[in-house]
Amino acid sequence: MSKRILVVDDDEYIRDLYEEILKDAGYSVDIAVDGADGFTKMKKIAYDLVLLDIMMPKLDGIEVMKKLKTQKISRPTVLLTNLAHDPVIKEGKLLGAKAYLIKADLTPDQLIIKVRELVKTS
């Protein structure tokens, strides 16, 4: 059975790109269009990995992580950002994020390598 990954990003291009890359690598992929949509899906499904954008409408990635923590829902989460040294990343890691990925610097091959590495450790 393939590992199930949720991609939560309000940028349609990023969602579609990551979905295609991950599906081509053999993963089962769901997408969410914003933090509220992602949170709803995370409550229902125990994903093997969640790729969670930080900056989104409705609920940003940090708010999603706070809600998960409040409701004692644990999902292996990687933050997606374009900010390398932002204090928000530190907050996300304190809330349980396993890692963060800088979208602007990420090639498809690097995405797959990182996902494989994180899925193994979750």
C-alpha atoms as a PDB file:
ATOM      1  CA  MET A   1       0.000   0.000   0.000  1.00  0.00           C
ATOM      2  CA  SER A   2       1.411   3.400  -0.944  1.00  0.00           C
ATOM      3  CA  LYS A   3       2.002   6.085   1.642  1.00  0.00           C
ATOM      4  CA  ARG A   4      -0.657   8.779   1.810  1.00  0.00           C
ATOM      5  CA  ILE A   5       0.409  12.420   1.639  1.00  0.00           C
ATOM      6  CA  LEU A   6      -1.640  15.595   2.012  1.00  0.00           C
ATOM      7  CA  VAL A   7      -0.477  18.759   0.228  1.00  0.00           C
ATOM      8  CA  VAL A   8      -2.008  21.903   1.773  1.00  0.00           C
ATOM      9  CA  ASP A   9      -1.268  25.040  -0.228  1.00  0.00           C
ATOM     10  CA  ASP A  10      -3.400  27.904  -1.515  1.00  0.00           C
ATOM     11  CA  ASP A  11      -1.220  28.208  -4.630  1.00  0.00           C
ATOM     12  CA  GLU A  12      -2.842  26.058  -7.313  1.00  0.00           C
ATOM     13  CA  TYR A  13       0.396  25.751  -9.290  1.00  0.00           C
ATOM     14  CA  ILE A  14       2.310  24.401  -6.257  1.00  0.00           C
ATOM     15  CA  ARG A  15      -0.527  22.010  -5.349  1.00  0.00           C
ATOM     16  CA  ASP A  16      -0.724  20.610  -8.862  1.00  0.00           C
ATOM     17  CA  LEU A  17       3.055  20.381  -9.250  1.00  0.00           C
ATOM     18  CA  TYR A  18       3.615  18.597  -5.926  1.00  0.00           C
ATOM     19  CA  GLU A  19       0.655  16.303  -6.534  1.00  0.00           C
ATOM     20  CA  GLU A  20       2.054  15.257  -9.921  1.00  0.00           C
ATOM     21  CA  ILE A  21       5.613  14.777  -8.622  1.00  0.00           C
ATOM     22  CA  LEU A  22       4.472  12.738  -5.618  1.00  0.00           C
ATOM     23  CA  LYS A  23       2.013  10.592  -7.596  1.00  0.00           C
ATOM     24  CA  ASP A  24       4.719   9.862 -10.184  1.00  0.00           C
ATOM     25  CA  ALA A  25       6.896   8.682  -7.273  1.00  0.00           C
ATOM     26  CA  GLY A  26       4.185   6.227  -6.189  1.00  0.00           C
ATOM     27  CA  TYR A  27       2.499   8.114  -3.348  1.00  0.00           C
ATOM     28  CA  SER A  28      -1.229   8.484  -2.821  1.00  0.00           C
ATOM     29  CA  VAL A  29      -1.841  12.238  -2.722  1.00  0.00           C
ATOM     30  CA  ASP A  30      -4.719  14.362  -1.472  1.00  0.00           C
ATOM     31  CA  ILE A  31      -4.773  18.132  -1.804  1.00  0.00           C
ATOM     32  CA  ALA A  32      -6.307  20.903   0.264  1.00  0.00           C
ATOM     33  CA  VAL A  33      -6.823  24.440  -1.017  1.00  0.00           C
ATOM     34  CA  ASP A  34      -6.291  26.255   2.292  1.00  0.00           C
ATOM     35  CA  GLY A  35      -5.656  25.692   5.986  1.00  0.00           C
ATOM     36  CA  ALA A  36      -9.309  25.142   6.889  1.00  0.00           C
ATOM     37  CA  ASP A  37      -9.684  22.490   4.178  1.00  0.00           C
ATOM     38  CA  GLY A  38      -6.418  20.868   5.256  1.00  0.00           C
ATOM     39  CA  PHE A  39      -7.395  20.811   8.929  1.00  0.00           C
ATOM     40  CA  THR A  40     -10.716  19.143   8.095  1.00  0.00           C
ATOM     41  CA  LYS A  41      -8.924  16.449   6.099  1.00  0.00           C
ATOM     42  CA  MET A  42      -6.266  15.927   8.795  1.00  0.00           C
ATOM     43  CA  LYS A  43      -8.980  15.339  11.399  1.00  0.00           C
ATOM     44  CA  LYS A  44     -10.462  12.540   9.285  1.00  0.00           C
ATOM     45  CA  ILE A  45      -7.402  10.828   7.796  1.00  0.00           C
ATOM     46  CA  ALA A  46      -4.132   9.716   9.408  1.00  0.00           C
ATOM     47  CA  TYR A  47      -1.758  10.853   6.672  1.00  0.00           C
ATOM     48  CA  ASP A  48       1.759   9.471   6.541  1.00  0.00           C
ATOM     49  CA  LEU A  49       2.985  13.006   5.815  1.00  0.00           C
ATOM     50  CA  VAL A  50       1.457  16.472   5.485  1.00  0.00           C
ATOM     51  CA  LEU A  51       3.132  19.191   3.416  1.00  0.00           C
ATOM     52  CA  LEU A  52       1.675  22.365   4.944  1.00  0.00           C
ATOM     53  CA  ASP A  53       2.124  25.868   3.548  1.00  0.00           C
ATOM     54  CA  ILE A  54       2.628  28.535   6.194  1.00  0.00           C
ATOM     55  CA  MET A  55       1.022  31.536   4.476  1.00  0.00           C
ATOM     56  CA  MET A  56      -2.615  30.790   3.537  1.00  0.00           C
ATOM     57  CA  PRO A  57      -6.061  32.351   3.835  1.00  0.00           C
ATOM     58  CA  LYS A  58      -8.677  31.236   6.379  1.00  0.00           C
ATOM     59  CA  LEU A  59      -6.175  29.329   8.555  1.00  0.00           C
ATOM     60  CA  ASP A  60      -2.444  29.697   8.087  1.00  0.00           C
ATOM     61  CA  GLY A  61      -0.130  26.741   8.629  1.00  0.00           C
ATOM     62  CA  ILE A  62       0.757  27.763  12.198  1.00  0.00           C
ATOM     63  CA  GLU A  63      -2.916  28.078  13.150  1.00  0.00           C
ATOM     64  CA  VAL A  64      -3.553  24.623  11.677  1.00  0.00           C
ATOM     65  CA  MET A  65      -0.742  23.198  13.807  1.00  0.00           C
ATOM     66  CA  LYS A  66      -2.097  24.941  16.926  1.00  0.00           C
ATOM     67  CA  LYS A  67      -5.561  23.469  16.311  1.00  0.00           C
ATOM     68  CA  LEU A  68      -4.113  19.999  15.783  1.00  0.00           C
ATOM     69  CA  LYS A  69      -2.164  20.285  19.034  1.00  0.00           C
ATOM     70  CA  THR A  70      -5.214  21.566  20.953  1.00  0.00           C
ATOM     71  CA  GLN A  71      -7.265  18.616  19.704  1.00  0.00           C
ATOM     72  CA  LYS A  72      -4.403  16.196  20.356  1.00  0.00           C
ATOM     73  CA  ILE A  73      -4.204  15.186  16.702  1.00  0.00           C
ATOM     74  CA  SER A  74      -0.739  14.192  15.580  1.00  0.00           C
ATOM     75  CA  ARG A  75       0.245  14.211  11.922  1.00  0.00           C
ATOM     76  CA  PRO A  76       3.832  14.157  10.600  1.00  0.00           C
ATOM     77  CA  THR A  77       4.050  17.664   9.167  1.00  0.00           C
ATOM     78  CA  VAL A  78       6.546  19.535   7.015  1.00  0.00           C
ATOM     79  CA  LEU A  79       6.155  23.282   6.629  1.00  0.00           C
ATOM     80  CA  LEU A  80       6.324  24.802   3.152  1.00  0.00           C
ATOM     81  CA  THR A  81       7.653  28.346   2.963  1.00  0.00           C
ATOM     82  CA  ASN A  82       9.713  30.791   0.987  1.00  0.00           C
ATOM     83  CA  LEU A  83      11.197  32.343   4.128  1.00  0.00           C
ATOM     84  CA  ALA A  84      14.427  30.711   5.259  1.00  0.00           C
ATOM     85  CA  HIS A  85      15.049  32.281   8.668  1.00  0.00           C
ATOM     86  CA  ASP A  86      11.618  33.370   9.702  1.00  0.00           C
ATOM     87  CA  PRO A  87      10.609  33.162  13.393  1.00  0.00           C
ATOM     88  CA  VAL A  88       7.410  31.496  12.177  1.00  0.00           C
ATOM     89  CA  ILE A  89       9.457  28.433  11.186  1.00  0.00           C
ATOM     90  CA  LYS A  90      10.778  28.228  14.738  1.00  0.00           C
ATOM     91  CA  GLU A  91       7.232  28.413  16.078  1.00  0.00           C
ATOM     92  CA  GLY A  92       6.145  25.667  13.684  1.00  0.00           C
ATOM     93  CA  LYS A  93       8.964  23.419  14.838  1.00  0.00           C
ATOM     94  CA  LEU A  94       7.977  24.068  18.470  1.00  0.00           C
ATOM     95  CA  LEU A  95       4.455  22.986  17.527  1.00  0.00           C
ATOM     96  CA  GLY A  96       5.796  19.708  16.148  1.00  0.00           C
ATOM     97  CA  ALA A  97       6.790  20.256  12.522  1.00  0.00           C
ATOM     98  CA  LYS A  98       9.373  17.657  11.513  1.00  0.00           C
ATOM     99  CA  ALA A  99      11.079  19.977   9.021  1.00  0.00           C
ATOM    100  CA  TYR A 100      10.565  22.835   6.636  1.00  0.00           C
ATOM    101  CA  LEU A 101      11.108  23.107   2.907  1.00  0.00           C
ATOM    102  CA  ILE A 102      11.808  26.323   1.029  1.00  0.00           C
ATOM    103  CA  LYS A 103       9.567  26.112  -2.013  1.00  0.00           C
ATOM    104  CA  ALA A 104      11.599  28.480  -4.194  1.00  0.00           C
ATOM    105  CA  ASP A 105      14.756  26.379  -3.753  1.00  0.00           C
ATOM    106  CA  LEU A 106      13.154  22.946  -4.099  1.00  0.00           C
ATOM    107  CA  THR A 107      13.615  20.851  -7.229  1.00  0.00           C
ATOM    108  CA  PRO A 108      11.310  17.885  -7.926  1.00  0.00           C
ATOM    109  CA  ASP A 109      14.150  15.453  -7.160  1.00  0.00           C
ATOM    110  CA  GLN A 110      14.874  17.169  -3.848  1.00  0.00           C
ATOM    111  CA  LEU A 111      11.177  17.016  -2.930  1.00  0.00           C
ATOM    112  CA  ILE A 112      11.079  13.254  -3.499  1.00  0.00           C
ATOM    113  CA  ILE A 113      14.318  12.675  -1.574  1.00  0.00           C
ATOM    114  CA  LYS A 114      13.053  14.693   1.395  1.00  0.00           C
ATOM    115  CA  VAL A 115       9.611  13.068   1.378  1.00  0.00           C
ATOM    116  CA  ARG A 116      11.109   9.564   1.252  1.00  0.00           C
ATOM    117  CA  GLU A 117      13.397  10.429   4.134  1.00  0.00           C
ATOM    118  CA  LEU A 118      10.548  11.877   6.233  1.00  0.00           C
ATOM    119  CA  VAL A 119       8.063   9.100   5.505  1.00  0.00           C
ATOM    120  CA  LYS A 120      10.616   6.542   6.704  1.00  0.00           C
ATOM    121  CA  THR A 121      11.064   8.324  10.029  1.00  0.00           C
ATOM    122  CA  SER A 122       7.382   8.945  10.747  1.00  0.00           C
END
